[in-house]
N, C-alpha and C. Protein backbone atom coordinates (compact mmCIF):
# COMPACT_ATOMS: atom_id res chain seq x y z
N MET A 1 80.87 224.55 58.33
CA MET A 1 82.31 224.81 58.28
C MET A 1 83.00 223.82 59.22
N ARG A 2 84.10 223.27 58.75
CA ARG A 2 84.85 222.30 59.54
C ARG A 2 85.71 223.02 60.59
N PRO A 3 85.97 222.36 61.73
CA PRO A 3 86.79 223.00 62.78
C PRO A 3 88.18 223.38 62.28
N ALA A 4 88.77 222.60 61.40
CA ALA A 4 90.10 222.93 60.90
C ALA A 4 90.09 224.23 60.12
N GLU A 5 88.95 224.60 59.56
CA GLU A 5 88.84 225.87 58.85
C GLU A 5 88.71 227.03 59.84
N LEU A 6 88.11 226.75 61.00
CA LEU A 6 87.97 227.79 62.01
C LEU A 6 89.29 228.06 62.72
N TYR A 7 89.99 227.01 63.07
CA TYR A 7 91.23 227.10 63.82
C TYR A 7 92.30 226.25 63.13
N PRO A 8 92.77 226.62 61.97
CA PRO A 8 93.68 225.74 61.24
C PRO A 8 94.95 225.37 61.99
N ASP A 9 95.49 226.27 62.78
CA ASP A 9 96.73 225.98 63.50
C ASP A 9 96.52 225.90 65.01
N ASP A 10 95.28 226.05 65.44
CA ASP A 10 95.03 226.16 66.87
C ASP A 10 94.32 224.97 67.49
N LEU A 11 94.02 223.93 66.70
CA LEU A 11 93.44 222.72 67.28
C LEU A 11 94.57 221.91 67.88
N VAL A 12 94.44 221.59 69.16
CA VAL A 12 95.50 220.87 69.87
C VAL A 12 94.90 219.70 70.63
N PHE A 13 95.74 218.72 70.92
CA PHE A 13 95.34 217.61 71.75
C PHE A 13 95.44 218.03 73.21
N GLU A 14 94.85 217.25 74.08
CA GLU A 14 94.82 217.60 75.51
C GLU A 14 96.22 217.84 76.07
N HIS A 15 97.14 216.96 75.76
CA HIS A 15 98.49 217.12 76.33
C HIS A 15 99.17 218.38 75.81
N GLU A 16 98.86 218.77 74.59
CA GLU A 16 99.43 220.01 74.04
C GLU A 16 98.81 221.24 74.70
N ALA A 17 97.51 221.17 74.98
CA ALA A 17 96.85 222.27 75.68
C ALA A 17 97.40 222.41 77.10
N THR A 18 97.67 221.27 77.73
CA THR A 18 98.25 221.28 79.08
C THR A 18 99.63 221.92 79.06
N GLU A 19 100.45 221.55 78.07
CA GLU A 19 101.79 222.14 77.96
C GLU A 19 101.73 223.63 77.70
N ALA A 20 100.78 224.07 76.88
CA ALA A 20 100.69 225.48 76.51
C ALA A 20 100.13 226.35 77.62
N THR A 21 99.25 225.78 78.47
CA THR A 21 98.56 226.60 79.45
C THR A 21 98.90 226.28 80.90
N GLY A 22 99.38 225.08 81.17
CA GLY A 22 99.64 224.66 82.54
C GLY A 22 98.40 224.14 83.25
N VAL A 23 97.27 224.08 82.55
CA VAL A 23 96.03 223.57 83.13
C VAL A 23 96.04 222.05 83.00
N PRO A 24 95.76 221.32 84.07
CA PRO A 24 95.76 219.85 84.00
C PRO A 24 94.72 219.32 83.01
N GLY A 25 95.02 218.18 82.42
CA GLY A 25 94.12 217.56 81.46
C GLY A 25 92.73 217.29 81.99
N PRO A 26 92.59 216.77 83.22
CA PRO A 26 91.23 216.54 83.74
C PRO A 26 90.39 217.81 83.81
N VAL A 27 91.03 218.95 84.06
CA VAL A 27 90.30 220.22 84.11
C VAL A 27 89.83 220.60 82.71
N ILE A 28 90.67 220.40 81.71
CA ILE A 28 90.29 220.70 80.33
C ILE A 28 89.11 219.81 79.92
N ARG A 29 89.17 218.53 80.27
CA ARG A 29 88.06 217.63 79.95
C ARG A 29 86.78 218.05 80.68
N LYS A 30 86.91 218.52 81.92
CA LYS A 30 85.74 218.97 82.69
C LYS A 30 85.12 220.21 82.04
N TRP A 31 85.95 221.14 81.59
CA TRP A 31 85.43 222.32 80.89
C TRP A 31 84.64 221.90 79.66
N ALA A 32 85.16 220.92 78.93
CA ALA A 32 84.48 220.45 77.72
C ALA A 32 83.15 219.78 78.08
N SER A 33 83.13 218.97 79.13
CA SER A 33 81.89 218.29 79.50
C SER A 33 80.85 219.27 80.02
N ARG A 34 81.29 220.40 80.56
CA ARG A 34 80.37 221.43 81.05
C ARG A 34 79.97 222.43 79.97
N GLY A 35 80.52 222.26 78.76
CA GLY A 35 80.15 223.12 77.64
C GLY A 35 80.90 224.44 77.58
N LYS A 36 81.94 224.60 78.37
CA LYS A 36 82.71 225.84 78.35
C LYS A 36 83.62 225.93 77.12
N ILE A 37 84.08 224.78 76.65
CA ILE A 37 84.86 224.69 75.42
C ILE A 37 84.29 223.54 74.60
N ARG A 38 84.62 223.53 73.32
CA ARG A 38 84.11 222.47 72.44
C ARG A 38 85.17 221.41 72.20
N ARG A 39 84.68 220.19 71.96
CA ARG A 39 85.55 219.08 71.56
C ARG A 39 85.47 218.95 70.05
N TYR A 40 86.58 218.57 69.45
CA TYR A 40 86.63 218.32 68.02
C TYR A 40 87.20 216.92 67.79
N GLN A 41 86.81 216.31 66.70
CA GLN A 41 87.29 214.98 66.35
C GLN A 41 88.78 215.05 66.05
N GLY A 42 89.57 214.20 66.70
CA GLY A 42 91.01 214.15 66.46
C GLY A 42 91.32 213.47 65.14
N ASP A 43 92.58 213.44 64.81
CA ASP A 43 92.98 212.85 63.53
C ASP A 43 93.29 211.36 63.64
N GLY A 44 93.17 210.78 64.84
CA GLY A 44 93.39 209.35 65.00
C GLY A 44 94.85 208.95 65.02
N SER A 45 95.75 209.91 65.17
CA SER A 45 97.17 209.56 65.24
C SER A 45 97.45 208.88 66.58
N TYR A 46 98.56 208.22 66.65
CA TYR A 46 98.92 207.48 67.85
C TYR A 46 100.13 208.10 68.53
N SER A 47 100.12 208.02 69.86
CA SER A 47 101.28 208.48 70.63
C SER A 47 102.35 207.40 70.57
N GLY A 48 103.49 207.69 71.09
CA GLY A 48 104.56 206.71 71.14
C GLY A 48 104.24 205.53 72.02
N GLN A 49 103.27 205.68 72.92
CA GLN A 49 102.89 204.60 73.82
C GLN A 49 101.70 203.80 73.28
N GLY A 50 101.26 204.08 72.06
CA GLY A 50 100.17 203.33 71.46
C GLY A 50 98.78 203.86 71.76
N HIS A 51 98.67 205.01 72.42
CA HIS A 51 97.36 205.59 72.71
C HIS A 51 96.89 206.40 71.51
N GLU A 52 95.62 206.26 71.19
CA GLU A 52 95.06 206.99 70.07
C GLU A 52 94.56 208.35 70.55
N TYR A 53 94.90 209.39 69.79
CA TYR A 53 94.41 210.73 70.09
C TYR A 53 93.08 210.91 69.37
N LYS A 54 91.99 210.98 70.13
CA LYS A 54 90.67 211.05 69.53
C LYS A 54 90.03 212.43 69.63
N THR A 55 90.46 213.22 70.59
CA THR A 55 89.80 214.50 70.85
C THR A 55 90.79 215.64 70.75
N MET A 56 90.33 216.73 70.13
CA MET A 56 91.14 217.94 70.03
C MET A 56 90.32 219.09 70.61
N TYR A 57 91.03 220.14 70.98
CA TYR A 57 90.41 221.33 71.55
C TYR A 57 90.98 222.55 70.84
N ALA A 58 90.20 223.62 70.78
CA ALA A 58 90.67 224.87 70.18
C ALA A 58 91.39 225.69 71.25
N LEU A 59 92.66 225.91 71.05
CA LEU A 59 93.46 226.64 72.04
C LEU A 59 92.92 228.05 72.30
N PRO A 60 92.39 228.77 71.29
CA PRO A 60 91.82 230.10 71.59
C PRO A 60 90.63 230.05 72.54
N GLU A 61 89.94 228.91 72.62
CA GLU A 61 88.84 228.79 73.58
C GLU A 61 89.37 228.51 74.99
N ILE A 62 90.50 227.84 75.08
CA ILE A 62 91.06 227.45 76.37
C ILE A 62 91.81 228.60 77.05
N LEU A 63 92.50 229.40 76.27
CA LEU A 63 93.36 230.45 76.83
C LEU A 63 92.65 231.41 77.78
N PRO A 64 91.45 231.92 77.45
CA PRO A 64 90.79 232.83 78.42
C PRO A 64 90.44 232.14 79.73
N LEU A 65 90.02 230.89 79.66
CA LEU A 65 89.71 230.15 80.88
C LEU A 65 90.99 229.85 81.67
N ALA A 66 92.05 229.54 80.96
CA ALA A 66 93.33 229.23 81.62
C ALA A 66 93.88 230.46 82.34
N ALA A 67 93.63 231.64 81.81
CA ALA A 67 94.12 232.87 82.45
C ALA A 67 93.47 233.08 83.82
N ARG A 68 92.25 232.57 83.98
CA ARG A 68 91.54 232.72 85.26
C ARG A 68 91.66 231.48 86.14
N TYR A 69 92.28 230.44 85.64
CA TYR A 69 92.35 229.17 86.37
C TYR A 69 93.31 229.27 87.55
N LYS A 70 92.82 228.82 88.71
CA LYS A 70 93.66 228.73 89.90
C LYS A 70 93.48 227.33 90.46
N PRO A 71 94.55 226.56 90.57
CA PRO A 71 94.41 225.21 91.09
C PRO A 71 93.93 225.22 92.54
N ALA A 72 93.08 224.26 92.85
CA ALA A 72 92.59 224.13 94.22
C ALA A 72 93.71 223.62 95.10
N PRO A 73 93.86 224.17 96.29
CA PRO A 73 94.91 223.67 97.19
C PRO A 73 94.60 222.24 97.60
N GLN A 74 95.63 221.45 97.71
CA GLN A 74 95.47 220.06 98.12
C GLN A 74 95.33 220.00 99.63
N ARG A 75 94.45 219.15 100.07
CA ARG A 75 94.22 219.00 101.51
C ARG A 75 95.23 218.00 102.07
N ALA A 76 95.75 218.31 103.22
CA ALA A 76 96.66 217.40 103.90
C ALA A 76 95.84 216.26 104.51
N PRO A 77 96.38 215.07 104.49
CA PRO A 77 95.64 213.96 105.11
C PRO A 77 95.46 214.20 106.60
N LYS A 78 94.34 213.76 107.11
CA LYS A 78 94.05 213.92 108.55
C LYS A 78 94.98 213.03 109.35
N ALA A 79 95.50 213.59 110.42
CA ALA A 79 96.37 212.81 111.31
C ALA A 79 95.51 211.84 112.11
N ALA A 80 96.00 210.67 112.28
CA ALA A 80 95.24 209.64 113.02
C ALA A 80 95.46 209.73 114.50
């Protein structure tokens, strides 16, 4: 079965997942590399800046992880 049949309206690009959940793109990519969510082949469309969208993610897989996501606090630079 193709991913579009599983999630016909729920496959999103990274930037769309970020907008929908507030989770940064690098975190979404890390979840995918760790096997927490799956990557799907994008449609090859281009952004307005000429970047090709190659990877899509299923939003229903991201939402449960996003609900538990808490950004790590940023460390202040050490004073010299």
